[in-house]
Amino acid sequence: MTPSIAHGDGSARSRLDAPAPARAWTRRRLPALLAALAACSPGFDDPSLVQDLRVLGVRAEPPEYLLGDAPPAAWPVRITALIADPHGEGRTLGCEVRSCTLGDSRTCEGAGDVTTLAAGPCADGETPFDVEVPRSLVEAAQAGDPTFGTPVHSGVAVWLEVVVRGGERPLYALKSVVFSPENPPGRTANQNPRVGEVRLNDMPQGTPGEVPYVPGVSVRIEVVPAEGAKEKYLLPSLMPPGGVEDLQEFMTVAFYADAGSFEDATRTDQPGNLFEGTPSGEEARLLTRWTPPDAPVPVRFWFVLVDGRGGVDWVVATGVPSGP
């Protein structure tokens, strides 16, 4: 049986590039790899259409630790998996959170150093697992980073894998937890972003968690990050070494539903040219247009927000059909 593999913090390889094998990464790799949104989508050309068992997102709380002079033996992290099981009829699945040194398969299957950090039942919806990341994993990642111990070292990622069993095939989703030095001075740890509101046709949702729609009539859906969700952050610069780069996050949203179709399955506020910004000088909006089915059926939505640095949040909503 062939496994299904999801990579990153919220999307399958068919939507965004998969991250490299789990190893220490430089500052240049970090934003690109963490920008991925996670979702297993075996067998479907449109990964935004959820018709099978899927892992749509994995969140770590916290997503980043700053390392002081006396690191503890382990760091507590809550790993939450967002699972969609549209035809599971409430069945109970089995989940496992584990760590290993990833090989070419991009899963821990067959690895010789697999460590199970947590295991238990899971199901459609959110399932949290409280784990502890041992210092040995962080030190192993640091040992593989050529910048470790230099002025340009900005941190390493420890990859954790969430395995979901009980469907037609196992699902594997990767999640990073970042461990960084307090470099440069004044640096703060990344926090998960938060969704502020969902707007429908430029209006706030009338009832939170509901998306009213008329069959066959498209709806404009916008995910608005909460105030302050886009963090500014500091990183050590490569040129000159020891300098400081003052940066700001970009947000990306993946839109999922179990019926209908999206005009754009993902939207980002990152400009195509970072130096030019958006043409109007205004921040891009995280919106798309959804065309519902012609028949009045209940619809489920999942909107997954990531900050490009490992932070994740999401909103789950129900589509409610109504007359014209």
Protein backbone atom coordinates (compact mmCIF):
# COMPACT_ATOMS: atom_id res chain seq x y z
CA MET A 1 0.00 0.00 0.00
CA THR A 2 1.46 3.33 -1.04
CA PRO A 3 1.57 6.00 1.68
CA SER A 4 0.32 9.53 1.14
CA ILE A 5 2.77 12.23 2.14
CA ALA A 6 2.12 15.83 3.10
CA HIS A 7 4.97 18.23 3.59
CA GLY A 8 5.34 21.51 5.39
CA ASP A 9 2.89 23.39 7.57
CA GLY A 10 -0.18 23.10 5.48
CA SER A 11 -0.01 21.89 1.79
CA ALA A 12 0.68 18.92 -0.38
CA ARG A 13 3.45 18.85 -2.92
CA SER A 14 0.88 19.52 -5.64
CA ARG A 15 0.20 22.98 -4.17
CA LEU A 16 3.54 24.21 -2.95
CA ASP A 17 7.08 22.90 -3.11
CA ALA A 18 7.88 20.24 -0.55
CA PRO A 19 10.58 21.03 1.99
CA ALA A 20 14.02 19.50 1.88
CA PRO A 21 14.88 16.55 4.15
CA ALA A 22 14.86 17.34 7.85
CA ARG A 23 18.20 18.86 8.69
CA ALA A 24 19.54 22.13 9.96
CA TRP A 25 18.74 24.99 7.65
CA THR A 26 20.19 28.39 7.11
CA ARG A 27 18.29 31.64 7.29
CA ARG A 28 17.92 31.54 3.50
CA ARG A 29 16.08 28.22 3.53
CA LEU A 30 13.78 28.94 6.45
CA PRO A 31 11.07 31.18 4.90
CA ALA A 32 10.75 29.13 1.73
CA LEU A 33 10.37 25.81 3.48
CA LEU A 34 8.01 27.01 6.17
CA ALA A 35 5.73 28.74 3.66
CA ALA A 36 4.23 25.38 2.73
CA LEU A 37 0.69 24.65 3.90
CA ALA A 38 -0.06 20.90 4.69
CA ALA A 39 -2.61 18.68 3.00
CA CYS A 40 -2.61 15.10 1.78
CA SER A 41 -4.47 14.87 -1.50
CA PRO A 42 -3.91 11.48 -3.12
CA GLY A 43 -5.83 10.88 -6.32
CA PHE A 44 -7.35 14.33 -6.88
CA ASP A 45 -6.22 16.95 -9.39
CA ASP A 46 -7.70 19.78 -7.31
CA PRO A 47 -6.23 19.58 -3.81
CA SER A 48 -8.61 22.29 -2.55
CA LEU A 49 -11.54 19.88 -3.02
CA VAL A 50 -11.63 17.64 0.07
CA GLN A 51 -13.24 14.32 -0.80
CA ASP A 52 -11.08 11.89 1.13
CA LEU A 53 -9.28 11.57 4.47
CA ARG A 54 -6.83 14.47 4.65
CA VAL A 55 -4.45 16.28 6.98
CA LEU A 56 -5.08 19.94 6.15
CA GLY A 57 -2.77 21.55 8.69
CA VAL A 58 -0.46 20.93 11.62
CA ARG A 59 0.22 23.59 14.24
CA ALA A 60 3.00 23.70 16.82
CA GLU A 61 2.52 25.79 19.95
CA PRO A 62 4.93 27.44 20.29
CA PRO A 63 6.36 27.35 16.74
CA GLU A 64 9.76 28.65 17.88
CA TYR A 65 11.97 28.64 20.98
CA LEU A 66 14.84 31.00 21.68
CA LEU A 67 17.76 29.17 23.26
CA GLY A 68 19.47 30.67 26.26
CA ASP A 69 22.77 29.76 27.88
CA ALA A 70 21.32 26.86 29.88
CA PRO A 71 18.95 24.85 27.62
CA PRO A 72 16.61 22.39 29.38
CA ALA A 73 16.58 18.64 28.81
CA ALA A 74 13.43 19.01 26.67
CA TRP A 75 10.99 21.64 25.40
CA PRO A 76 7.20 21.19 25.67
CA VAL A 77 5.27 21.63 22.42
CA ARG A 78 1.60 21.10 21.64
CA ILE A 79 1.14 19.59 18.16
CA THR A 80 -2.39 19.95 16.79
CA ALA A 81 -3.48 18.16 13.61
CA LEU A 82 -6.39 19.46 11.53
CA ILE A 83 -7.95 16.35 10.02
CA ALA A 84 -10.76 16.22 7.47
CA ASP A 85 -12.59 12.91 7.11
CA PRO A 86 -15.66 13.82 5.06
CA HIS A 87 -16.89 10.26 4.55
CA GLY A 88 -15.62 8.71 7.76
CA GLU A 89 -18.99 8.93 9.55
CA GLY A 90 -17.31 9.85 12.81
CA ARG A 91 -14.86 6.95 12.85
CA THR A 92 -11.92 6.91 15.23
CA LEU A 93 -8.48 7.03 13.66
CA GLY A 94 -5.05 6.47 15.14
CA CYS A 95 -2.43 9.24 15.28
CA GLU A 96 1.24 9.24 16.15
CA VAL A 97 3.73 12.09 16.52
CA ARG A 98 7.31 11.00 15.97
CA SER A 99 10.77 12.22 15.10
CA CYS A 100 13.59 10.79 13.02
CA THR A 101 16.30 11.68 10.54
CA LEU A 102 14.40 11.94 7.28
CA GLY A 103 15.71 10.23 4.16
CA ASP A 104 14.73 10.49 0.52
CA SER A 105 11.23 9.13 1.26
CA ARG A 106 10.52 12.24 3.36
CA THR A 107 8.86 10.10 6.04
CA CYS A 108 10.13 8.24 9.11
CA GLU A 109 9.09 4.89 7.61
CA GLY A 110 12.16 2.67 7.57
CA ALA A 111 14.38 5.15 9.42
CA GLY A 112 16.62 3.64 12.06
CA ASP A 113 16.19 6.36 14.68
CA VAL A 114 12.41 6.73 14.94
CA THR A 115 11.23 8.07 18.30
CA THR A 116 7.51 8.14 19.11
CA LEU A 117 6.75 11.29 21.10
CA ALA A 118 2.97 10.79 21.43
CA ALA A 119 0.24 8.48 20.16
CA GLY A 120 -3.49 8.11 20.59
CA PRO A 121 -6.90 8.28 18.96
CA CYS A 122 -7.79 11.10 16.58
CA ALA A 123 -10.72 11.95 14.35
CA ASP A 124 -12.22 14.50 12.02
CA GLY A 125 -11.50 17.98 13.39
CA GLU A 126 -8.67 19.13 15.66
CA THR A 127 -6.64 16.65 17.68
CA PRO A 128 -3.90 17.98 20.03
CA PHE A 129 -0.90 16.05 21.33
CA ASP A 130 1.45 17.35 24.00
CA VAL A 131 5.01 16.28 23.31
CA GLU A 132 8.50 17.10 24.56
CA VAL A 133 11.29 17.75 22.07
CA PRO A 134 14.47 16.35 23.66
CA ARG A 135 17.66 18.37 23.62
CA SER A 136 19.37 15.57 21.68
CA LEU A 137 17.19 16.32 18.62
CA VAL A 138 18.07 20.00 18.72
CA GLU A 139 21.76 19.27 19.14
CA ALA A 140 21.67 16.85 16.20
CA ALA A 141 20.14 19.55 14.00
CA GLN A 142 22.72 22.06 15.15
CA ALA A 143 25.53 19.61 14.39
CA GLY A 144 24.34 19.42 10.79
CA ASP A 145 24.21 23.21 10.31
CA PRO A 146 27.46 24.67 8.96
CA THR A 147 26.52 28.10 10.32
CA PHE A 148 26.10 26.90 13.90
CA GLY A 149 28.42 28.77 16.24
CA THR A 150 29.03 31.58 13.74
CA PRO A 151 27.64 35.17 13.77
CA VAL A 152 25.25 34.35 10.90
CA HIS A 153 23.58 31.37 12.61
CA SER A 154 19.84 32.06 12.82
CA GLY A 155 18.43 28.76 14.06
CA VAL A 156 17.59 25.19 13.13
CA ALA A 157 14.37 23.31 12.53
CA VAL A 158 13.52 20.03 14.18
CA TRP A 159 11.03 18.14 12.03
CA LEU A 160 8.22 16.16 13.63
CA GLU A 161 5.98 13.81 11.69
CA VAL A 162 2.27 13.23 12.28
CA VAL A 163 1.07 9.84 11.09
CA VAL A 164 -2.67 9.17 10.65
CA ARG A 165 -3.78 5.56 10.29
CA GLY A 166 -7.20 4.02 9.80
CA GLY A 167 -8.00 5.15 6.28
CA GLU A 168 -7.21 3.43 3.00
CA ARG A 169 -3.53 4.26 3.49
CA PRO A 170 -1.41 5.94 6.15
CA LEU A 171 -1.04 9.70 5.91
CA TYR A 172 2.21 11.48 6.82
CA ALA A 173 2.45 15.20 7.55
CA LEU A 174 5.59 17.09 8.58
CA LYS A 175 5.76 19.95 11.07
CA SER A 176 8.79 22.00 12.04
CA VAL A 177 9.66 23.43 15.43
CA VAL A 178 12.36 26.09 15.20
CA PHE A 179 15.13 26.52 17.79
CA SER A 180 17.03 29.80 17.48
CA PRO A 181 19.75 31.69 19.30
CA GLU A 182 19.07 35.09 20.81
CA ASN A 183 20.83 36.56 17.80
CA PRO A 184 20.69 39.43 17.08
CA PRO A 185 20.00 41.09 20.44
CA GLY A 186 16.35 42.04 20.77
CA ARG A 187 15.15 39.08 18.74
CA THR A 188 11.85 37.53 19.85
CA ALA A 189 10.42 34.08 19.18
CA ASN A 190 7.84 33.67 16.45
CA GLN A 191 4.21 33.32 17.49
CA ASN A 192 1.42 31.59 15.59
CA PRO A 193 -0.67 34.07 13.58
CA ARG A 194 -4.38 34.43 14.25
CA VAL A 195 -7.31 34.78 11.89
CA GLY A 196 -9.19 37.95 12.78
CA GLU A 197 -12.29 37.45 10.67
CA VAL A 198 -13.70 35.93 7.50
CA ARG A 199 -15.44 38.35 5.14
CA LEU A 200 -18.07 37.30 2.61
CA ASN A 201 -18.63 39.59 -0.39
CA ASP A 202 -16.71 42.29 1.53
CA MET A 203 -19.02 41.98 4.55
CA PRO A 204 -18.29 40.34 7.94
CA GLN A 205 -19.76 36.90 8.52
CA GLY A 206 -23.28 37.31 9.90
CA THR A 207 -22.93 34.16 12.01
CA PRO A 208 -19.39 33.06 12.95
CA GLY A 209 -18.59 29.69 11.44
CA GLU A 210 -21.24 29.92 8.72
CA VAL A 211 -20.95 30.73 5.03
CA PRO A 212 -24.46 31.34 3.61
CA TYR A 213 -24.71 30.80 -0.13
CA VAL A 214 -27.16 30.58 -3.01
CA PRO A 215 -26.61 27.46 -5.14
CA GLY A 216 -24.72 28.30 -8.30
CA VAL A 217 -23.97 31.91 -7.22
CA SER A 218 -20.33 32.62 -6.45
CA VAL A 219 -19.21 34.05 -3.10
CA ARG A 220 -16.16 36.21 -2.50
CA ILE A 221 -14.34 34.89 0.59
CA GLU A 222 -11.59 36.85 2.34
CA VAL A 223 -9.51 35.72 5.31
CA VAL A 224 -8.36 38.71 7.37
CA PRO A 225 -5.46 38.16 9.79
CA ALA A 226 -5.97 39.56 13.29
CA GLU A 227 -4.40 42.89 14.14
CA GLY A 228 -0.73 42.35 14.89
CA ALA A 229 -0.69 38.86 13.36
CA LYS A 230 1.98 39.95 10.86
CA GLU A 231 5.05 40.15 13.05
CA LYS A 232 8.22 42.11 12.44
CA TYR A 233 11.33 40.16 13.30
CA LEU A 234 15.10 40.37 13.38
CA LEU A 235 17.63 38.00 11.82
CA PRO A 236 21.43 38.12 11.61
CA SER A 237 22.57 39.29 8.19
CA LEU A 238 24.95 37.36 5.99
CA MET A 239 26.57 40.49 4.56
CA PRO A 240 28.12 41.88 6.55
CA PRO A 241 28.34 39.08 9.13
CA GLY A 242 27.13 40.31 12.48
CA GLY A 243 24.74 42.82 10.98
CA VAL A 244 20.97 42.89 11.53
CA GLU A 245 18.11 42.41 9.08
CA ASP A 246 14.73 43.90 10.05
CA LEU A 247 11.99 41.91 8.31
CA GLN A 248 8.23 41.42 8.30
CA GLU A 249 6.19 38.29 7.72
CA PHE A 250 4.03 37.58 4.71
CA MET A 251 0.78 35.66 5.07
CA THR A 252 -0.56 32.86 2.87
CA VAL A 253 -3.99 31.21 2.99
CA ALA A 254 -5.01 27.83 1.59
CA PHE A 255 -8.73 27.50 0.89
CA TYR A 256 -10.41 24.08 1.14
CA ALA A 257 -14.01 22.88 0.76
CA ASP A 258 -15.72 19.53 0.25
CA ALA A 259 -17.91 20.86 -2.59
CA GLY A 260 -17.82 23.59 -5.20
CA SER A 261 -14.63 25.14 -6.54
CA PHE A 262 -12.27 28.03 -5.71
CA GLU A 263 -11.00 30.50 -8.26
CA ASP A 264 -7.68 30.57 -6.36
CA ALA A 265 -6.85 27.73 -3.99
CA THR A 266 -4.09 29.75 -2.29
CA ARG A 267 -3.52 33.48 -1.87
CA THR A 268 -0.56 35.35 -0.42
CA ASP A 269 0.19 38.96 0.41
CA GLN A 270 3.83 38.49 -0.57
CA PRO A 271 4.52 40.58 -3.69
CA GLY A 272 6.07 38.89 -6.70
CA ASN A 273 8.93 41.37 -6.45
CA LEU A 274 9.90 41.99 -2.84
CA PHE A 275 11.67 45.23 -3.78
CA GLU A 276 8.76 46.75 -5.71
CA GLY A 277 5.92 45.66 -3.43
CA THR A 278 2.34 45.68 -4.68
CA PRO A 279 1.53 48.00 -7.62
CA SER A 280 -0.78 50.21 -5.56
CA GLY A 281 1.47 50.23 -2.52
CA GLU A 282 -1.38 48.60 -0.56
CA GLU A 283 -1.16 45.20 1.04
CA ALA A 284 -2.58 42.36 -1.03
CA ARG A 285 -5.82 40.87 0.26
CA LEU A 286 -6.15 37.17 1.05
CA LEU A 287 -9.31 36.52 -0.90
CA THR A 288 -10.73 34.18 -3.49
CA ARG A 289 -14.04 33.44 -5.17
CA TRP A 290 -15.89 30.22 -4.43
CA THR A 291 -18.51 28.81 -6.80
CA PRO A 292 -20.94 26.56 -4.93
CA PRO A 293 -22.64 23.47 -6.35
CA ASP A 294 -25.91 23.92 -8.19
CA ALA A 295 -27.75 21.83 -5.59
CA PRO A 296 -28.43 23.12 -2.05
CA VAL A 297 -26.16 20.86 0.01
CA PRO A 298 -24.26 21.41 3.27
CA VAL A 299 -20.64 22.34 2.64
CA ARG A 300 -17.61 22.30 4.91
CA PHE A 301 -14.79 24.85 4.64
CA TRP A 302 -11.27 24.96 6.03
CA PHE A 303 -9.15 28.11 5.69
CA VAL A 304 -5.50 27.60 6.73
CA LEU A 305 -3.31 30.65 7.40
CA VAL A 306 0.51 30.49 7.62
CA ASP A 307 3.11 33.18 8.26
CA GLY A 308 6.02 31.75 6.26
CA ARG A 309 8.07 31.03 9.40
CA GLY A 310 6.26 27.98 10.78
CA GLY A 311 3.29 29.75 12.37
CA VAL A 312 -0.16 28.37 11.53
CA ASP A 313 -3.81 29.12 12.29
CA TRP A 314 -7.08 28.03 10.70
CA VAL A 315 -10.81 28.55 10.59
CA VAL A 316 -13.44 25.84 10.00
CA ALA A 317 -16.85 26.87 8.67
CA THR A 318 -20.06 25.35 7.32
CA GLY A 319 -21.75 26.44 4.09
CA VAL A 320 -25.48 26.96 4.59
CA PRO A 321 -27.62 27.02 1.41
CA SER A 322 -30.43 29.53 1.05
CA GLY A 323 -32.80 30.76 -1.63
CA PRO A 324 -32.03 33.58 -4.08
